[in-house]
Amino acid sequence: LAEVEGWNIKDGFYYIISMLCGLPNALTDVTPDSDEGKIVDIIIALWALSLAGTIIGIVGGMSVINTLVESAEALGEKFGKKKED
C-alpha cells in the first residue's frame, strides 16, 4: 500500500496496523487517496479477515480448547441449576 500511494514504509506499516486493529485513531495521518490504494486497502482487509477466521477455526478445533469449553459449559449448567432451585 505504501508503494502504491507513494508513502514511506513507516507510514504504510502504521496505517496497516491501525486498520487491522480497528483503532479509532490512526497511528499515522496518511490515508489512501488513489483508487488503486483504496483497492489494495480493501484486499488487505479481506485477507486479514480470512486469516483471522482461519486461525480462530484452527484454535477452536483443538482438543484442548474443546475440553475447556465443555468444562465451562458443565460449570455453567451446575451453577445454573442451583439458581433455579
N, C-alpha and C. Protein backbone atom coordinates (compact mmCIF):
# COMPACT_ATOMS: atom_id res chain seq x y z
N LEU A 1 0.83 -1.19 0.00
CA LEU A 1 0.00 0.00 0.00
C LEU A 1 0.87 1.25 0.00
N ALA A 2 1.96 1.21 0.76
CA ALA A 2 2.85 2.37 0.82
C ALA A 2 3.43 2.66 -0.56
N GLU A 3 3.78 1.63 -1.29
CA GLU A 3 4.35 1.82 -2.62
C GLU A 3 3.31 2.38 -3.59
N VAL A 4 2.09 1.89 -3.52
CA VAL A 4 1.03 2.35 -4.41
C VAL A 4 0.72 3.82 -4.15
N GLU A 5 0.70 4.21 -2.87
CA GLU A 5 0.33 5.58 -2.50
C GLU A 5 1.52 6.54 -2.47
N GLY A 6 2.73 6.01 -2.56
CA GLY A 6 3.91 6.87 -2.52
C GLY A 6 4.28 7.30 -1.11
N TRP A 7 3.89 6.52 -0.10
CA TRP A 7 4.25 6.82 1.28
C TRP A 7 5.59 6.19 1.59
N ASN A 8 6.17 6.60 2.73
CA ASN A 8 7.35 5.88 3.18
C ASN A 8 6.88 4.60 3.89
N ILE A 9 7.76 3.67 4.06
CA ILE A 9 7.42 2.34 4.60
C ILE A 9 6.86 2.46 6.02
N LYS A 10 7.41 3.35 6.82
CA LYS A 10 6.95 3.52 8.21
C LYS A 10 5.48 3.94 8.25
N ASP A 11 5.09 4.92 7.43
CA ASP A 11 3.69 5.35 7.41
C ASP A 11 2.77 4.23 6.92
N GLY A 12 3.22 3.49 5.92
CA GLY A 12 2.44 2.37 5.41
C GLY A 12 2.23 1.30 6.48
N PHE A 13 3.30 0.99 7.20
CA PHE A 13 3.22 0.00 8.27
C PHE A 13 2.25 0.45 9.36
N TYR A 14 2.37 1.70 9.80
CA TYR A 14 1.48 2.22 10.84
C TYR A 14 0.03 2.25 10.37
N TYR A 15 -0.19 2.60 9.11
CA TYR A 15 -1.57 2.63 8.60
C TYR A 15 -2.17 1.23 8.62
N ILE A 16 -1.43 0.24 8.14
CA ILE A 16 -1.94 -1.14 8.08
C ILE A 16 -2.21 -1.67 9.49
N ILE A 17 -1.31 -1.44 10.42
CA ILE A 17 -1.52 -1.89 11.80
C ILE A 17 -2.77 -1.23 12.39
N SER A 18 -2.94 0.06 12.16
CA SER A 18 -4.14 0.76 12.65
C SER A 18 -5.41 0.17 12.06
N MET A 19 -5.37 -0.09 10.76
CA MET A 19 -6.54 -0.62 10.07
C MET A 19 -6.86 -2.05 10.55
N LEU A 20 -5.85 -2.88 10.68
CA LEU A 20 -6.08 -4.27 11.09
C LEU A 20 -6.56 -4.37 12.53
N CYS A 21 -6.10 -3.47 13.39
CA CYS A 21 -6.51 -3.50 14.80
C CYS A 21 -7.83 -2.77 15.02
N GLY A 22 -8.31 -2.07 14.01
CA GLY A 22 -9.56 -1.34 14.15
C GLY A 22 -9.48 -0.15 15.08
N LEU A 23 -8.33 0.48 15.12
CA LEU A 23 -8.16 1.62 16.02
C LEU A 23 -8.99 2.81 15.55
N PRO A 24 -9.69 3.48 16.48
CA PRO A 24 -10.49 4.63 16.07
C PRO A 24 -9.62 5.82 15.65
N ASN A 25 -8.45 5.94 16.24
CA ASN A 25 -7.49 6.99 15.88
C ASN A 25 -6.28 6.33 15.25
N ALA A 26 -6.05 6.64 13.99
CA ALA A 26 -4.94 6.01 13.28
C ALA A 26 -3.59 6.39 13.90
N LEU A 27 -2.61 5.53 13.70
CA LEU A 27 -1.27 5.78 14.21
C LEU A 27 -0.50 6.73 13.31
N THR A 28 -1.05 7.06 12.16
CA THR A 28 -0.42 7.97 11.21
C THR A 28 -1.49 8.83 10.54
N ASP A 29 -1.06 9.89 9.91
CA ASP A 29 -2.01 10.82 9.28
C ASP A 29 -2.32 10.48 7.83
N VAL A 30 -1.68 9.48 7.26
CA VAL A 30 -1.90 9.16 5.85
C VAL A 30 -3.13 8.27 5.68
N THR A 31 -3.80 8.44 4.56
CA THR A 31 -4.92 7.58 4.16
C THR A 31 -4.83 7.37 2.65
N PRO A 32 -5.34 6.26 2.15
CA PRO A 32 -5.29 6.04 0.70
C PRO A 32 -6.14 7.07 -0.04
N ASP A 33 -5.54 7.72 -1.01
CA ASP A 33 -6.25 8.73 -1.79
C ASP A 33 -6.59 8.24 -3.19
N SER A 34 -5.74 7.42 -3.76
CA SER A 34 -5.97 6.95 -5.13
C SER A 34 -6.90 5.75 -5.14
N ASP A 35 -7.52 5.52 -6.29
CA ASP A 35 -8.40 4.34 -6.42
C ASP A 35 -7.62 3.05 -6.23
N GLU A 36 -6.39 3.02 -6.76
CA GLU A 36 -5.55 1.82 -6.61
C GLU A 36 -5.24 1.55 -5.14
N GLY A 37 -4.94 2.61 -4.39
CA GLY A 37 -4.65 2.47 -2.96
C GLY A 37 -5.86 1.97 -2.19
N LYS A 38 -7.04 2.46 -2.56
CA LYS A 38 -8.25 2.02 -1.88
C LYS A 38 -8.54 0.54 -2.17
N ILE A 39 -8.28 0.12 -3.40
CA ILE A 39 -8.47 -1.29 -3.76
C ILE A 39 -7.49 -2.17 -2.99
N VAL A 40 -6.23 -1.75 -2.90
CA VAL A 40 -5.23 -2.52 -2.14
C VAL A 40 -5.63 -2.56 -0.67
N ASP A 41 -6.15 -1.47 -0.15
CA ASP A 41 -6.61 -1.41 1.24
C ASP A 41 -7.72 -2.44 1.48
N ILE A 42 -8.67 -2.53 0.58
CA ILE A 42 -9.77 -3.50 0.70
C ILE A 42 -9.24 -4.92 0.61
N ILE A 43 -8.31 -5.17 -0.29
CA ILE A 43 -7.73 -6.52 -0.43
C ILE A 43 -7.01 -6.91 0.85
N ILE A 44 -6.26 -5.99 1.44
CA ILE A 44 -5.56 -6.28 2.70
C ILE A 44 -6.55 -6.58 3.81
N ALA A 45 -7.64 -5.81 3.89
CA ALA A 45 -8.65 -6.04 4.93
C ALA A 45 -9.31 -7.40 4.75
N LEU A 46 -9.65 -7.77 3.52
CA LEU A 46 -10.26 -9.08 3.28
C LEU A 46 -9.30 -10.21 3.61
N TRP A 47 -8.04 -10.04 3.25
CA TRP A 47 -7.03 -11.05 3.57
C TRP A 47 -6.89 -11.20 5.09
N ALA A 48 -6.90 -10.09 5.81
CA ALA A 48 -6.76 -10.15 7.27
C ALA A 48 -7.95 -10.85 7.91
N LEU A 49 -9.16 -10.57 7.42
CA LEU A 49 -10.35 -11.25 7.94
C LEU A 49 -10.29 -12.75 7.67
N SER A 50 -9.84 -13.11 6.48
CA SER A 50 -9.73 -14.53 6.14
C SER A 50 -8.70 -15.22 7.02
N LEU A 51 -7.58 -14.57 7.23
CA LEU A 51 -6.53 -15.14 8.07
C LEU A 51 -7.01 -15.29 9.51
N ALA A 52 -7.70 -14.27 10.03
CA ALA A 52 -8.21 -14.34 11.40
C ALA A 52 -9.23 -15.47 11.53
N GLY A 53 -10.12 -15.60 10.56
CA GLY A 53 -11.10 -16.68 10.59
C GLY A 53 -10.46 -18.05 10.56
N THR A 54 -9.42 -18.19 9.76
CA THR A 54 -8.70 -19.46 9.69
C THR A 54 -8.04 -19.79 11.03
N ILE A 55 -7.39 -18.81 11.62
CA ILE A 55 -6.72 -19.04 12.91
C ILE A 55 -7.75 -19.38 13.99
N ILE A 56 -8.86 -18.66 14.02
CA ILE A 56 -9.90 -18.96 15.01
C ILE A 56 -10.45 -20.36 14.80
N GLY A 57 -10.63 -20.77 13.54
CA GLY A 57 -11.12 -22.13 13.25
C GLY A 57 -10.14 -23.20 13.70
N ILE A 58 -8.87 -22.96 13.45
CA ILE A 58 -7.84 -23.94 13.86
C ILE A 58 -7.79 -24.05 15.38
N VAL A 59 -7.75 -22.91 16.05
CA VAL A 59 -7.67 -22.92 17.52
C VAL A 59 -8.95 -23.52 18.11
N GLY A 60 -10.11 -23.19 17.53
CA GLY A 60 -11.37 -23.72 18.03
C GLY A 60 -11.50 -25.22 17.85
N GLY A 61 -10.79 -25.77 16.87
CA GLY A 61 -10.86 -27.20 16.62
C GLY A 61 -9.88 -28.02 17.44
N MET A 62 -9.03 -27.38 18.21
CA MET A 62 -8.05 -28.10 19.02
C MET A 62 -8.75 -28.80 20.18
N SER A 63 -8.29 -29.99 20.51
CA SER A 63 -8.92 -30.77 21.56
C SER A 63 -8.82 -30.09 22.92
N VAL A 64 -7.75 -29.37 23.17
CA VAL A 64 -7.59 -28.67 24.45
C VAL A 64 -8.67 -27.61 24.59
N ILE A 65 -8.94 -26.89 23.52
CA ILE A 65 -9.97 -25.85 23.55
C ILE A 65 -11.34 -26.49 23.75
N ASN A 66 -11.60 -27.59 23.04
CA ASN A 66 -12.89 -28.28 23.20
C ASN A 66 -13.08 -28.73 24.65
N THR A 67 -12.04 -29.24 25.27
CA THR A 67 -12.11 -29.68 26.67
C THR A 67 -12.43 -28.51 27.58
N LEU A 68 -11.77 -27.37 27.35
CA LEU A 68 -12.04 -26.19 28.16
C LEU A 68 -13.48 -25.70 27.99
N VAL A 69 -13.97 -25.71 26.76
CA VAL A 69 -15.34 -25.27 26.51
C VAL A 69 -16.34 -26.20 27.18
N GLU A 70 -16.12 -27.50 27.08
CA GLU A 70 -17.02 -28.47 27.72
C GLU A 70 -17.00 -28.30 29.24
N SER A 71 -15.83 -28.06 29.82
CA SER A 71 -15.73 -27.85 31.27
C SER A 71 -16.49 -26.59 31.68
N ALA A 72 -16.33 -25.53 30.90
CA ALA A 72 -17.02 -24.28 31.21
C ALA A 72 -18.53 -24.45 31.08
N GLU A 73 -18.99 -25.18 30.07
CA GLU A 73 -20.42 -25.43 29.92
C GLU A 73 -20.96 -26.25 31.09
N ALA A 74 -20.19 -27.24 31.53
CA ALA A 74 -20.62 -28.06 32.66
C ALA A 74 -20.73 -27.21 33.93
N LEU A 75 -19.77 -26.32 34.14
CA LEU A 75 -19.83 -25.43 35.30
C LEU A 75 -21.03 -24.49 35.20
N GLY A 76 -21.29 -24.00 34.02
CA GLY A 76 -22.44 -23.12 33.81
C GLY A 76 -23.74 -23.83 34.11
N GLU A 77 -23.86 -25.07 33.67
CA GLU A 77 -25.07 -25.84 33.95
C GLU A 77 -25.21 -26.13 35.44
N LYS A 78 -24.08 -26.42 36.08
CA LYS A 78 -24.10 -26.73 37.51
C LYS A 78 -24.57 -25.52 38.31
N PHE A 79 -24.03 -24.36 38.02
CA PHE A 79 -24.43 -23.16 38.75
C PHE A 79 -25.80 -22.67 38.32
N GLY A 80 -26.17 -22.92 37.08
CA GLY A 80 -27.49 -22.52 36.59
C GLY A 80 -28.60 -23.30 37.27
N LYS A 81 -28.38 -24.58 37.55
CA LYS A 81 -29.39 -25.39 38.23
C LYS A 81 -29.56 -24.98 39.68
N LYS A 82 -28.48 -24.55 40.33
CA LYS A 82 -28.58 -24.12 41.72
C LYS A 82 -29.43 -22.85 41.84
N LYS A 83 -29.33 -21.97 40.85
CA LYS A 83 -30.13 -20.75 40.88
C LYS A 83 -31.61 -21.05 40.72
N GLU A 84 -31.96 -22.06 39.94
CA GLU A 84 -33.35 -22.41 39.70
C GLU A 84 -33.99 -23.04 40.92
N ASP A 85 -33.22 -23.75 41.76
CA ASP A 85 -33.75 -24.43 42.95
C ASP A 85 -34.18 -23.50 43.99
